[in-house]
């Protein structure tokens, strides 16, 4: 599976893929690949879809948590309850 991040600025364009790759490596989720980020201005992001994007992010966090737990990497609480609720 390829993750295509959407970022706002130049710094995010470099930082977000690095962060996602580090999370993938920590979770040992070798089937995930991080694609080149798509750069969008904040005004181009549709606020009506913010709720759907938030749900997708929570699902992604839950998937990383499940992968980390399956790999034996068990933080105290993964994912944090605030991220899932």
C-alpha atoms as a PDB file:
ATOM      1  CA  UNK A   1       0.000   0.000   0.000  1.00  0.00           C
ATOM      2  CA  UNK A   2       1.277   3.487  -0.838  1.00  0.00           C
ATOM      3  CA  UNK A   3       0.593   6.438   1.439  1.00  0.00           C
ATOM      4  CA  UNK A   4       0.360   9.734  -0.484  1.00  0.00           C
ATOM      5  CA  UNK A   5       0.595  12.561   2.056  1.00  0.00           C
ATOM      6  CA  UNK A   6      -0.884  15.992   1.380  1.00  0.00           C
ATOM      7  CA  UNK A   7       1.257  18.811   2.772  1.00  0.00           C
ATOM      8  CA  UNK A   8       1.073  22.596   2.905  1.00  0.00           C
ATOM      9  CA  UNK A   9       4.641  23.941   2.796  1.00  0.00           C
ATOM     10  CA  UNK A  10       8.213  23.161   1.795  1.00  0.00           C
ATOM     11  CA  UNK A  11       9.226  22.064   5.283  1.00  0.00           C
ATOM     12  CA  UNK A  12       6.290  19.671   5.459  1.00  0.00           C
ATOM     13  CA  UNK A  13       7.182  18.332   2.020  1.00  0.00           C
ATOM     14  CA  UNK A  14      10.461  17.053   3.477  1.00  0.00           C
ATOM     15  CA  UNK A  15       9.418  16.279   7.066  1.00  0.00           C
ATOM     16  CA  UNK A  16       6.152  14.364   6.597  1.00  0.00           C
ATOM     17  CA  UNK A  17       7.574  11.539   4.429  1.00  0.00           C
ATOM     18  CA  UNK A  18      10.484  11.143   6.863  1.00  0.00           C
ATOM     19  CA  UNK A  19       8.092  10.931   9.805  1.00  0.00           C
ATOM     20  CA  UNK A  20       5.847   8.400   8.058  1.00  0.00           C
ATOM     21  CA  UNK A  21       8.856   6.258   7.074  1.00  0.00           C
ATOM     22  CA  UNK A  22      10.125   6.289  10.675  1.00  0.00           C
ATOM     23  CA  UNK A  23       6.701   5.234  11.954  1.00  0.00           C
ATOM     24  CA  UNK A  24       6.586   2.492   9.316  1.00  0.00           C
ATOM     25  CA  UNK A  25      10.056   1.275  10.282  1.00  0.00           C
ATOM     26  CA  UNK A  26       9.244   1.290  14.011  1.00  0.00           C
ATOM     27  CA  UNK A  27       6.076  -0.687  13.322  1.00  0.00           C
ATOM     28  CA  UNK A  28       7.986  -2.904  10.872  1.00  0.00           C
ATOM     29  CA  UNK A  29       5.140  -2.459   8.387  1.00  0.00           C
ATOM     30  CA  UNK A  30       7.273  -3.259   5.366  1.00  0.00           C
ATOM     31  CA  UNK A  31       4.226  -3.497   3.072  1.00  0.00           C
ATOM     32  CA  UNK A  32       3.651   0.262   3.396  1.00  0.00           C
ATOM     33  CA  UNK A  33       5.407   2.685   1.090  1.00  0.00           C
ATOM     34  CA  UNK A  34       5.413   6.467   1.356  1.00  0.00           C
ATOM     35  CA  UNK A  35       4.936   8.253  -1.937  1.00  0.00           C
ATOM     36  CA  UNK A  36       5.937  11.747  -2.924  1.00  0.00           C
ATOM     37  CA  UNK A  37       3.788  14.297  -1.067  1.00  0.00           C
ATOM     38  CA  UNK A  38       1.232  16.423  -2.868  1.00  0.00           C
ATOM     39  CA  UNK A  39       1.628  20.082  -1.998  1.00  0.00           C
ATOM     40  CA  UNK A  40      -1.605  22.038  -1.570  1.00  0.00           C
ATOM     41  CA  UNK A  41      -2.403  25.491  -0.268  1.00  0.00           C
ATOM     42  CA  UNK A  42      -4.589  25.639   2.781  1.00  0.00           C
ATOM     43  CA  UNK A  43      -7.244  27.468   0.764  1.00  0.00           C
ATOM     44  CA  UNK A  44      -7.422  24.577  -1.711  1.00  0.00           C
ATOM     45  CA  UNK A  45      -8.278  22.005   0.923  1.00  0.00           C
ATOM     46  CA  UNK A  46     -12.016  21.455   1.134  1.00  0.00           C
ATOM     47  CA  UNK A  47     -13.207  22.050   4.729  1.00  0.00           C
ATOM     48  CA  UNK A  48     -16.342  19.968   4.125  1.00  0.00           C
ATOM     49  CA  UNK A  49     -14.172  16.858   3.897  1.00  0.00           C
ATOM     50  CA  UNK A  50     -12.240  17.600   7.104  1.00  0.00           C
ATOM     51  CA  UNK A  51     -14.374  15.167   9.083  1.00  0.00           C
ATOM     52  CA  UNK A  52     -13.777  12.367   6.573  1.00  0.00           C
ATOM     53  CA  UNK A  53     -10.041  13.083   6.540  1.00  0.00           C
ATOM     54  CA  UNK A  54     -10.020  12.999  10.341  1.00  0.00           C
ATOM     55  CA  UNK A  55     -11.717   9.598  10.343  1.00  0.00           C
ATOM     56  CA  UNK A  56      -9.185   8.321   7.796  1.00  0.00           C
ATOM     57  CA  UNK A  57      -6.321   9.581   9.968  1.00  0.00           C
ATOM     58  CA  UNK A  58      -7.762   7.836  13.030  1.00  0.00           C
ATOM     59  CA  UNK A  59      -8.018   4.617  11.026  1.00  0.00           C
ATOM     60  CA  UNK A  60      -4.400   5.020   9.894  1.00  0.00           C
ATOM     61  CA  UNK A  61      -3.267   5.564  13.489  1.00  0.00           C
ATOM     62  CA  UNK A  62      -5.209   2.478  14.588  1.00  0.00           C
ATOM     63  CA  UNK A  63      -3.621   0.448  11.773  1.00  0.00           C
ATOM     64  CA  UNK A  64      -0.119   1.556  12.823  1.00  0.00           C
ATOM     65  CA  UNK A  65      -0.996   0.611  16.403  1.00  0.00           C
ATOM     66  CA  UNK A  66      -2.171  -2.836  15.334  1.00  0.00           C
ATOM     67  CA  UNK A  67       0.967  -3.350  13.261  1.00  0.00           C
ATOM     68  CA  UNK A  68       3.189  -2.210  16.120  1.00  0.00           C
ATOM     69  CA  UNK A  69       1.429  -4.536  18.570  1.00  0.00           C
ATOM     70  CA  UNK A  70       1.669  -7.456  16.146  1.00  0.00           C
ATOM     71  CA  UNK A  71       5.395  -6.777  15.746  1.00  0.00           C
ATOM     72  CA  UNK A  72       5.857  -6.896  19.520  1.00  0.00           C
ATOM     73  CA  UNK A  73       6.348  -3.135  19.864  1.00  0.00           C
ATOM     74  CA  UNK A  74       3.804  -2.397  22.545  1.00  0.00           C
ATOM     75  CA  UNK A  75       3.807   1.165  23.890  1.00  0.00           C
ATOM     76  CA  UNK A  76       1.828   1.725  27.073  1.00  0.00           C
ATOM     77  CA  UNK A  77      -1.297   2.763  25.175  1.00  0.00           C
ATOM     78  CA  UNK A  78      -1.364   2.572  21.386  1.00  0.00           C
ATOM     79  CA  UNK A  79      -3.011   4.454  19.844  1.00  0.00           C
ATOM     80  CA  UNK A  80      -3.751   7.069  22.495  1.00  0.00           C
ATOM     81  CA  UNK A  81      -7.440   7.171  23.337  1.00  0.00           C
ATOM     82  CA  UNK A  82      -7.638  10.839  22.331  1.00  0.00           C
ATOM     83  CA  UNK A  83      -6.618   9.929  18.769  1.00  0.00           C
ATOM     84  CA  UNK A  84      -9.245   7.221  18.320  1.00  0.00           C
ATOM     85  CA  UNK A  85     -12.318   8.687  19.995  1.00  0.00           C
END
